[in-house]
């Protein structure tokens, strides 16, 4: 009798811009063990770090929707703000009519999209990892974002 082994796929996401606000990029990489299954990136010439971090997570969740898996996807990112938003704060904001206790929710357009994606992706765990701590795939996606931002600037300059 043959048994099927499943390996939990992991997704590492990142986003950033320099200066903040300014030109920025997001990226994610899907891995299984040491193998890259997929990677994607994008950017914007006028954005913020938080918007790019959120976009990395949003795009990773779109990937999960398009690639269902028997196992739970683990999404890892070094933005504690995004992890807390996804896991904790977003539900309370939604219950209060998309308001924080202290006022408006920043980046509400992206937060609402994130909430819709969370409802469609029950088999996802979003976890925080320390930045620049020698975590192979987190370092990889950090470089992917830096390269995407550089490419965005180069393409913008040649227009």
N, C-alpha and C. Protein backbone atom coordinates (compact mmCIF):
# COMPACT_ATOMS: atom_id res chain seq x y z
N UNK A 1 0.84 -1.18 0.00
CA UNK A 1 0.00 0.00 0.00
C UNK A 1 0.88 1.24 0.00
N UNK A 2 0.56 2.17 -0.83
CA UNK A 2 1.35 3.39 -0.96
C UNK A 2 0.76 4.50 -0.09
N UNK A 3 1.62 5.20 0.64
CA UNK A 3 1.12 6.33 1.43
C UNK A 3 1.56 7.63 0.78
N UNK A 4 0.75 8.63 0.95
CA UNK A 4 1.05 9.94 0.38
C UNK A 4 1.54 10.84 1.50
N UNK A 5 2.70 11.41 1.33
CA UNK A 5 3.23 12.35 2.30
C UNK A 5 2.98 13.75 1.80
N UNK A 6 2.48 14.57 2.69
CA UNK A 6 2.28 15.97 2.32
C UNK A 6 3.20 16.83 3.16
N UNK A 7 3.79 17.80 2.54
CA UNK A 7 4.67 18.74 3.23
C UNK A 7 3.96 20.08 3.28
N UNK A 8 3.93 20.68 4.46
CA UNK A 8 3.27 21.97 4.60
C UNK A 8 3.99 23.02 3.77
N UNK A 9 3.28 23.65 2.85
CA UNK A 9 3.91 24.74 2.10
C UNK A 9 4.03 25.98 2.98
N UNK A 10 5.10 26.71 2.79
CA UNK A 10 5.33 27.95 3.53
C UNK A 10 5.44 29.09 2.55
N UNK A 11 4.93 30.23 2.97
CA UNK A 11 5.03 31.45 2.17
C UNK A 11 5.67 32.52 3.03
N UNK A 12 6.69 33.16 2.49
CA UNK A 12 7.34 34.29 3.17
C UNK A 12 7.01 35.54 2.38
N UNK A 13 6.56 36.57 3.08
CA UNK A 13 6.19 37.82 2.42
C UNK A 13 6.98 38.98 3.01
N UNK A 14 7.11 40.03 2.22
CA UNK A 14 7.78 41.24 2.71
C UNK A 14 7.31 42.41 1.87
N UNK A 15 7.59 43.58 2.36
CA UNK A 15 7.30 44.80 1.64
C UNK A 15 8.08 45.94 2.26
N UNK A 16 8.34 46.96 1.47
CA UNK A 16 9.06 48.10 2.00
C UNK A 16 9.19 49.20 0.97
N UNK A 17 9.61 50.35 1.45
CA UNK A 17 9.88 51.46 0.55
C UNK A 17 10.96 52.35 1.15
N UNK A 18 11.59 53.10 0.27
CA UNK A 18 12.64 54.01 0.71
C UNK A 18 12.71 55.17 -0.27
N UNK A 19 12.54 56.40 0.25
CA UNK A 19 12.18 56.75 1.62
C UNK A 19 10.73 56.36 1.90
N UNK A 20 10.31 56.52 3.13
CA UNK A 20 8.94 56.18 3.54
C UNK A 20 8.19 57.44 3.93
N UNK A 21 7.20 57.88 3.16
CA UNK A 21 6.68 57.29 1.92
C UNK A 21 7.60 57.54 0.73
N UNK A 22 7.40 56.75 -0.29
CA UNK A 22 8.20 56.85 -1.50
C UNK A 22 8.01 55.62 -2.37
N UNK A 23 8.97 55.34 -3.26
CA UNK A 23 8.87 54.15 -4.10
C UNK A 23 9.06 52.89 -3.27
N UNK A 24 8.20 51.90 -3.52
CA UNK A 24 8.28 50.69 -2.72
C UNK A 24 7.88 49.46 -3.51
N UNK A 25 8.06 48.31 -2.86
CA UNK A 25 7.75 47.04 -3.49
C UNK A 25 7.28 46.04 -2.45
N UNK A 26 6.60 45.02 -2.94
CA UNK A 26 6.17 43.88 -2.13
C UNK A 26 6.63 42.62 -2.84
N UNK A 27 6.69 41.53 -2.10
CA UNK A 27 7.03 40.25 -2.70
C UNK A 27 6.64 39.10 -1.80
N UNK A 28 6.55 37.92 -2.41
CA UNK A 28 6.36 36.70 -1.62
C UNK A 28 7.03 35.55 -2.35
N UNK A 29 7.41 34.54 -1.57
CA UNK A 29 7.99 33.33 -2.12
C UNK A 29 7.30 32.14 -1.46
N UNK A 30 6.89 31.17 -2.29
CA UNK A 30 6.24 29.96 -1.81
C UNK A 30 7.29 28.86 -1.85
N UNK A 31 7.49 28.19 -0.72
CA UNK A 31 8.53 27.16 -0.66
C UNK A 31 7.96 25.89 -0.04
N UNK A 32 8.58 24.79 -0.41
CA UNK A 32 8.33 23.50 0.22
C UNK A 32 9.70 22.91 0.51
N UNK A 33 10.07 22.87 1.77
CA UNK A 33 11.43 22.48 2.12
C UNK A 33 12.41 23.49 1.57
N UNK A 34 13.33 23.03 0.73
CA UNK A 34 14.32 23.93 0.13
C UNK A 34 13.98 24.30 -1.31
N UNK A 35 12.79 23.94 -1.76
CA UNK A 35 12.40 24.18 -3.14
C UNK A 35 11.46 25.38 -3.26
N UNK A 36 11.80 26.29 -4.19
CA UNK A 36 10.92 27.41 -4.49
C UNK A 36 9.84 26.92 -5.46
N UNK A 37 8.58 27.04 -5.05
CA UNK A 37 7.46 26.64 -5.89
C UNK A 37 6.95 27.80 -6.75
N UNK A 38 7.04 29.01 -6.20
CA UNK A 38 6.52 30.19 -6.89
C UNK A 38 7.04 31.44 -6.18
N UNK A 39 7.18 32.51 -6.94
CA UNK A 39 7.48 33.80 -6.33
C UNK A 39 6.86 34.90 -7.19
N UNK A 40 6.53 36.01 -6.53
CA UNK A 40 5.93 37.13 -7.25
C UNK A 40 6.29 38.42 -6.52
N UNK A 41 6.20 39.53 -7.26
CA UNK A 41 6.52 40.83 -6.69
C UNK A 41 5.82 41.90 -7.50
N UNK A 42 5.78 43.08 -6.92
CA UNK A 42 5.19 44.23 -7.58
C UNK A 42 5.57 45.47 -6.80
N UNK A 43 5.08 46.62 -7.23
CA UNK A 43 5.45 47.83 -6.50
C UNK A 43 4.65 49.03 -6.93
N UNK A 44 5.01 50.14 -6.33
CA UNK A 44 4.34 51.41 -6.57
C UNK A 44 5.36 52.52 -6.36
N UNK A 45 5.30 53.53 -7.20
CA UNK A 45 6.27 54.64 -7.09
C UNK A 45 5.98 55.56 -5.91
N UNK A 46 4.75 55.58 -5.42
CA UNK A 46 4.42 56.43 -4.27
C UNK A 46 3.57 55.63 -3.29
N UNK A 47 4.20 55.15 -2.22
CA UNK A 47 3.53 54.25 -1.28
C UNK A 47 4.18 54.37 0.09
N UNK A 48 3.83 53.45 0.99
CA UNK A 48 4.44 53.40 2.32
C UNK A 48 4.88 51.98 2.63
N UNK A 49 5.73 51.85 3.64
CA UNK A 49 6.15 50.52 4.09
C UNK A 49 4.95 49.65 4.44
N UNK A 50 4.03 50.21 5.24
CA UNK A 50 2.89 49.41 5.69
C UNK A 50 2.02 48.96 4.53
N UNK A 51 1.80 49.81 3.53
CA UNK A 51 1.00 49.40 2.37
C UNK A 51 1.69 48.27 1.62
N UNK A 52 2.99 48.33 1.47
CA UNK A 52 3.70 47.27 0.75
C UNK A 52 3.72 45.98 1.55
N UNK A 53 3.87 46.05 2.88
CA UNK A 53 3.79 44.85 3.71
C UNK A 53 2.41 44.20 3.57
N UNK A 54 1.36 45.03 3.62
CA UNK A 54 0.00 44.51 3.45
C UNK A 54 -0.20 43.90 2.07
N UNK A 55 0.35 44.54 1.03
CA UNK A 55 0.21 44.00 -0.33
C UNK A 55 0.90 42.65 -0.47
N UNK A 56 2.05 42.48 0.16
CA UNK A 56 2.72 41.18 0.12
C UNK A 56 1.83 40.08 0.70
N UNK A 57 1.20 40.38 1.83
CA UNK A 57 0.30 39.41 2.46
C UNK A 57 -0.94 39.18 1.59
N UNK A 58 -1.52 40.23 1.08
CA UNK A 58 -2.71 40.11 0.22
C UNK A 58 -2.41 39.26 -1.01
N UNK A 59 -1.29 39.52 -1.67
CA UNK A 59 -0.96 38.75 -2.87
C UNK A 59 -0.67 37.29 -2.53
N UNK A 60 -0.07 37.04 -1.38
CA UNK A 60 0.17 35.65 -0.95
C UNK A 60 -1.17 34.94 -0.72
N UNK A 61 -2.14 35.63 -0.13
CA UNK A 61 -3.46 35.03 0.09
C UNK A 61 -4.18 34.76 -1.23
N UNK A 62 -3.99 35.62 -2.21
CA UNK A 62 -4.55 35.35 -3.55
C UNK A 62 -3.93 34.07 -4.11
N UNK A 63 -2.62 33.89 -3.92
CA UNK A 63 -1.96 32.67 -4.37
C UNK A 63 -2.59 31.44 -3.71
N UNK A 64 -2.80 31.52 -2.39
CA UNK A 64 -3.38 30.40 -1.65
C UNK A 64 -4.76 30.04 -2.20
N UNK A 65 -5.56 31.04 -2.51
CA UNK A 65 -6.89 30.79 -3.08
C UNK A 65 -6.81 30.04 -4.40
N UNK A 66 -5.81 30.37 -5.20
CA UNK A 66 -5.66 29.75 -6.52
C UNK A 66 -4.96 28.40 -6.47
N UNK A 67 -4.34 28.07 -5.32
CA UNK A 67 -3.58 26.82 -5.19
C UNK A 67 -3.96 26.12 -3.88
N UNK A 68 -5.16 25.54 -3.83
CA UNK A 68 -5.58 24.86 -2.61
C UNK A 68 -4.63 23.72 -2.27
N UNK A 69 -4.53 23.43 -1.00
CA UNK A 69 -3.59 22.42 -0.52
C UNK A 69 -4.26 21.62 0.59
N UNK A 70 -3.86 20.36 0.75
CA UNK A 70 -4.41 19.53 1.82
C UNK A 70 -3.94 20.02 3.19
N UNK A 71 -2.81 20.66 3.22
CA UNK A 71 -2.23 21.12 4.48
C UNK A 71 -2.52 22.60 4.70
N UNK A 72 -2.32 23.06 5.90
CA UNK A 72 -2.46 24.48 6.22
C UNK A 72 -1.24 25.22 5.70
N UNK A 73 -1.47 26.32 5.00
CA UNK A 73 -0.37 27.17 4.57
C UNK A 73 0.13 27.96 5.78
N UNK A 74 1.42 28.03 5.93
CA UNK A 74 2.03 28.92 6.91
C UNK A 74 2.56 30.13 6.18
N UNK A 75 2.09 31.32 6.55
CA UNK A 75 2.59 32.56 5.96
C UNK A 75 3.41 33.26 7.03
N UNK A 76 4.65 33.57 6.69
CA UNK A 76 5.59 34.16 7.64
C UNK A 76 6.01 35.53 7.15
N UNK A 77 6.02 36.49 8.07
CA UNK A 77 6.42 37.85 7.71
C UNK A 77 7.02 38.54 8.91
N UNK A 78 7.87 39.54 8.63
CA UNK A 78 8.54 40.24 9.72
C UNK A 78 7.85 41.54 10.11
N UNK A 79 6.64 41.76 9.61
CA UNK A 79 5.85 42.92 10.00
C UNK A 79 4.87 42.51 11.09
N UNK A 80 5.21 42.83 12.33
CA UNK A 80 4.32 42.51 13.44
C UNK A 80 2.99 43.24 13.28
N UNK A 81 3.03 44.45 12.72
CA UNK A 81 1.81 45.21 12.48
C UNK A 81 0.83 44.41 11.60
N UNK A 82 1.33 43.83 10.52
CA UNK A 82 0.47 43.04 9.62
C UNK A 82 -0.01 41.76 10.29
N UNK A 83 0.87 41.10 11.01
CA UNK A 83 0.49 39.86 11.69
C UNK A 83 -0.61 40.13 12.72
N UNK A 84 -0.43 41.18 13.52
CA UNK A 84 -1.44 41.53 14.52
C UNK A 84 -2.75 41.97 13.85
N UNK A 85 -2.63 42.72 12.76
CA UNK A 85 -3.83 43.14 12.03
C UNK A 85 -4.62 41.92 11.58
N UNK A 86 -3.95 40.97 10.95
CA UNK A 86 -4.61 39.77 10.42
C UNK A 86 -5.18 38.90 11.53
N UNK A 87 -4.38 38.64 12.55
CA UNK A 87 -4.77 37.68 13.58
C UNK A 87 -5.68 38.24 14.66
N UNK A 88 -5.60 39.55 14.93
CA UNK A 88 -6.28 40.09 16.11
C UNK A 88 -7.12 41.32 15.82
N UNK A 89 -6.51 42.39 15.38
CA UNK A 89 -7.16 43.70 15.35
C UNK A 89 -8.27 43.82 14.32
N UNK A 90 -8.09 43.22 13.16
CA UNK A 90 -9.01 43.40 12.04
C UNK A 90 -10.46 43.04 12.41
N UNK A 91 -10.65 41.97 13.15
CA UNK A 91 -12.01 41.54 13.53
C UNK A 91 -12.69 42.60 14.39
N UNK A 92 -11.96 43.18 15.32
CA UNK A 92 -12.52 44.23 16.17
C UNK A 92 -12.85 45.48 15.38
N UNK A 93 -11.97 45.86 14.46
CA UNK A 93 -12.24 47.04 13.62
C UNK A 93 -13.51 46.82 12.80
N UNK A 94 -13.63 45.62 12.24
CA UNK A 94 -14.80 45.32 11.43
C UNK A 94 -16.07 45.38 12.29
N UNK A 95 -16.01 44.82 13.49
CA UNK A 95 -17.18 44.83 14.39
C UNK A 95 -17.59 46.25 14.78
N UNK A 96 -16.65 47.18 14.79
CA UNK A 96 -16.93 48.58 15.12
C UNK A 96 -17.18 49.42 13.87
N UNK A 97 -17.53 48.79 12.78
CA UNK A 97 -17.79 49.54 11.55
C UNK A 97 -16.53 50.09 10.92
N UNK A 98 -15.45 49.31 10.99
CA UNK A 98 -14.15 49.68 10.44
C UNK A 98 -13.58 50.94 11.09
N UNK A 99 -13.69 50.97 12.42
CA UNK A 99 -13.11 52.06 13.21
C UNK A 99 -12.25 51.44 14.30
N UNK A 100 -11.15 52.12 14.59
CA UNK A 100 -10.36 51.77 15.77
C UNK A 100 -10.98 52.47 16.97
N UNK A 101 -10.63 52.03 18.15
CA UNK A 101 -11.12 52.71 19.35
C UNK A 101 -10.71 54.17 19.33
N UNK A 102 -9.54 54.43 18.75
CA UNK A 102 -9.00 55.80 18.74
C UNK A 102 -9.24 56.54 17.42
N UNK A 103 -10.03 55.99 16.52
CA UNK A 103 -10.31 56.71 15.28
C UNK A 103 -10.26 55.83 14.04
N UNK A 104 -9.89 56.46 12.93
CA UNK A 104 -9.91 55.79 11.62
C UNK A 104 -8.83 54.71 11.51
N UNK A 105 -9.14 53.70 10.70
CA UNK A 105 -8.18 52.64 10.38
C UNK A 105 -7.37 53.08 9.17
N UNK A 106 -6.05 53.09 9.31
CA UNK A 106 -5.19 53.45 8.17
C UNK A 106 -5.17 52.32 7.15
N UNK A 107 -5.03 52.68 5.89
CA UNK A 107 -4.96 51.71 4.80
C UNK A 107 -6.22 50.83 4.75
N UNK A 108 -7.35 51.46 5.00
CA UNK A 108 -8.62 50.72 5.11
C UNK A 108 -8.95 49.94 3.84
N UNK A 109 -8.61 50.48 2.68
CA UNK A 109 -8.88 49.75 1.43
C UNK A 109 -8.20 48.39 1.43
N UNK A 110 -6.96 48.35 1.88
CA UNK A 110 -6.22 47.09 1.91
C UNK A 110 -6.69 46.20 3.06
N UNK A 111 -7.03 46.79 4.20
CA UNK A 111 -7.51 46.01 5.34
C UNK A 111 -8.83 45.31 5.00
N UNK A 112 -9.72 46.00 4.30
CA UNK A 112 -10.99 45.37 3.90
C UNK A 112 -10.74 44.21 2.93
N UNK A 113 -9.82 44.39 2.00
CA UNK A 113 -9.48 43.29 1.09
C UNK A 113 -8.89 42.12 1.86
N UNK A 114 -8.04 42.43 2.83
CA UNK A 114 -7.43 41.40 3.67
C UNK A 114 -8.51 40.62 4.43
N UNK A 115 -9.51 41.31 4.95
CA UNK A 115 -10.60 40.65 5.68
C UNK A 115 -11.39 39.71 4.77
N UNK A 116 -11.66 40.14 3.55
CA UNK A 116 -12.37 39.28 2.60
C UNK A 116 -11.55 38.02 2.29
N UNK A 117 -10.26 38.21 2.10
CA UNK A 117 -9.39 37.07 1.80
C UNK A 117 -9.28 36.12 2.98
N UNK A 118 -9.27 36.65 4.19
CA UNK A 118 -9.21 35.80 5.38
C UNK A 118 -10.44 34.91 5.46
N UNK A 119 -11.61 35.45 5.14
CA UNK A 119 -12.84 34.65 5.16
C UNK A 119 -12.79 33.52 4.14
N UNK A 120 -12.09 33.74 3.04
CA UNK A 120 -12.01 32.74 1.97
C UNK A 120 -10.86 31.76 2.18
N UNK A 121 -9.97 32.03 3.12
CA UNK A 121 -8.77 31.22 3.34
C UNK A 121 -8.69 30.72 4.79
N UNK A 122 -9.56 29.79 5.17
CA UNK A 122 -9.51 29.36 6.57
C UNK A 122 -8.26 28.54 6.91
N UNK A 123 -7.64 27.92 5.93
CA UNK A 123 -6.48 27.06 6.19
C UNK A 123 -5.16 27.82 6.03
N UNK A 124 -5.07 28.97 6.72
CA UNK A 124 -3.87 29.79 6.66
C UNK A 124 -3.50 30.22 8.08
N UNK A 125 -2.24 30.11 8.41
CA UNK A 125 -1.73 30.63 9.67
C UNK A 125 -0.70 31.70 9.34
N UNK A 126 -0.91 32.91 9.85
CA UNK A 126 0.02 34.02 9.62
C UNK A 126 0.84 34.21 10.88
N UNK A 127 2.16 34.12 10.73
CA UNK A 127 3.06 34.16 11.89
C UNK A 127 4.17 35.17 11.68
N UNK A 128 4.64 35.74 12.78
CA UNK A 128 5.72 36.72 12.76
C UNK A 128 7.06 36.01 12.86
N UNK A 129 8.05 36.52 12.10
CA UNK A 129 9.44 36.10 12.23
C UNK A 129 10.30 37.35 12.37
N UNK A 130 11.40 37.19 13.06
CA UNK A 130 12.31 38.32 13.28
C UNK A 130 13.03 38.67 11.98
N UNK A 131 13.08 39.95 11.68
CA UNK A 131 13.77 40.43 10.48
C UNK A 131 15.28 40.32 10.64
N UNK A 132 15.97 40.06 9.55
CA UNK A 132 17.43 40.07 9.50
C UNK A 132 18.04 39.20 10.59
N UNK A 133 17.44 38.02 10.78
CA UNK A 133 17.89 37.10 11.83
C UNK A 133 18.46 35.81 11.24
N UNK A 134 18.79 35.84 9.95
CA UNK A 134 19.36 34.66 9.32
C UNK A 134 18.34 33.59 8.97
N UNK A 135 17.06 33.97 8.88
CA UNK A 135 16.03 33.03 8.46
C UNK A 135 16.04 33.02 6.93
N UNK A 136 16.47 31.89 6.37
CA UNK A 136 16.78 31.79 4.94
C UNK A 136 15.72 32.43 4.04
N UNK A 137 14.48 32.00 4.14
CA UNK A 137 13.47 32.47 3.19
C UNK A 137 12.99 33.88 3.49
N UNK A 138 13.07 34.30 4.74
CA UNK A 138 12.74 35.69 5.05
C UNK A 138 13.80 36.62 4.46
N UNK A 139 15.07 36.22 4.58
CA UNK A 139 16.14 37.00 3.96
C UNK A 139 15.99 37.01 2.43
N UNK A 140 15.59 35.87 1.87
CA UNK A 140 15.40 35.77 0.42
C UNK A 140 14.34 36.75 -0.06
N UNK A 141 13.18 36.76 0.61
CA UNK A 141 12.09 37.63 0.17
C UNK A 141 12.42 39.10 0.42
N UNK A 142 13.21 39.38 1.44
CA UNK A 142 13.68 40.75 1.67
C UNK A 142 14.50 41.23 0.47
N UNK A 143 15.39 40.38 -0.02
CA UNK A 143 16.20 40.73 -1.19
C UNK A 143 15.33 40.83 -2.45
N UNK A 144 14.34 39.95 -2.56
CA UNK A 144 13.40 40.00 -3.68
C UNK A 144 12.70 41.36 -3.73
N UNK A 145 12.29 41.87 -2.58
CA UNK A 145 11.62 43.17 -2.50
C UNK A 145 12.59 44.29 -2.87
N UNK A 146 13.82 44.22 -2.38
CA UNK A 146 14.81 45.25 -2.74
C UNK A 146 15.06 45.26 -4.24
N UNK A 147 15.18 44.07 -4.83
CA UNK A 147 15.40 43.97 -6.27
C UNK A 147 14.19 44.48 -7.06
N UNK A 148 12.99 44.18 -6.58
CA UNK A 148 11.77 44.65 -7.26
C UNK A 148 11.68 46.17 -7.21
N UNK A 149 12.04 46.76 -6.08
CA UNK A 149 12.03 48.22 -5.96
C UNK A 149 13.04 48.84 -6.91
N UNK A 150 14.24 48.25 -6.99
CA UNK A 150 15.27 48.76 -7.90
C UNK A 150 14.81 48.66 -9.35
N UNK A 151 14.16 47.56 -9.71
CA UNK A 151 13.64 47.38 -11.07
C UNK A 151 12.56 48.41 -11.36
N UNK A 152 11.69 48.66 -10.40
CA UNK A 152 10.63 49.67 -10.56
C UNK A 152 11.23 51.05 -10.83
N UNK A 153 12.26 51.40 -10.07
CA UNK A 153 12.91 52.70 -10.26
C UNK A 153 13.60 52.79 -11.61
N UNK A 154 14.24 51.69 -12.03
CA UNK A 154 14.93 51.66 -13.33
C UNK A 154 13.92 51.81 -14.47
N UNK A 155 12.80 51.10 -14.39
CA UNK A 155 11.78 51.20 -15.43
C UNK A 155 11.16 52.59 -15.46
N UNK A 156 10.99 53.19 -14.30
CA UNK A 156 10.42 54.53 -14.21
C UNK A 156 11.36 55.56 -14.84
N UNK A 157 12.66 55.40 -14.61
CA UNK A 157 13.65 56.34 -15.14
C UNK A 157 13.77 56.25 -16.66
N UNK A 158 13.49 55.06 -17.23
CA UNK A 158 13.64 54.88 -18.67
C UNK A 158 12.39 55.29 -19.46
N UNK A 159 11.35 55.71 -18.77
CA UNK A 159 10.11 56.13 -19.47
C UNK A 159 10.21 57.52 -20.00
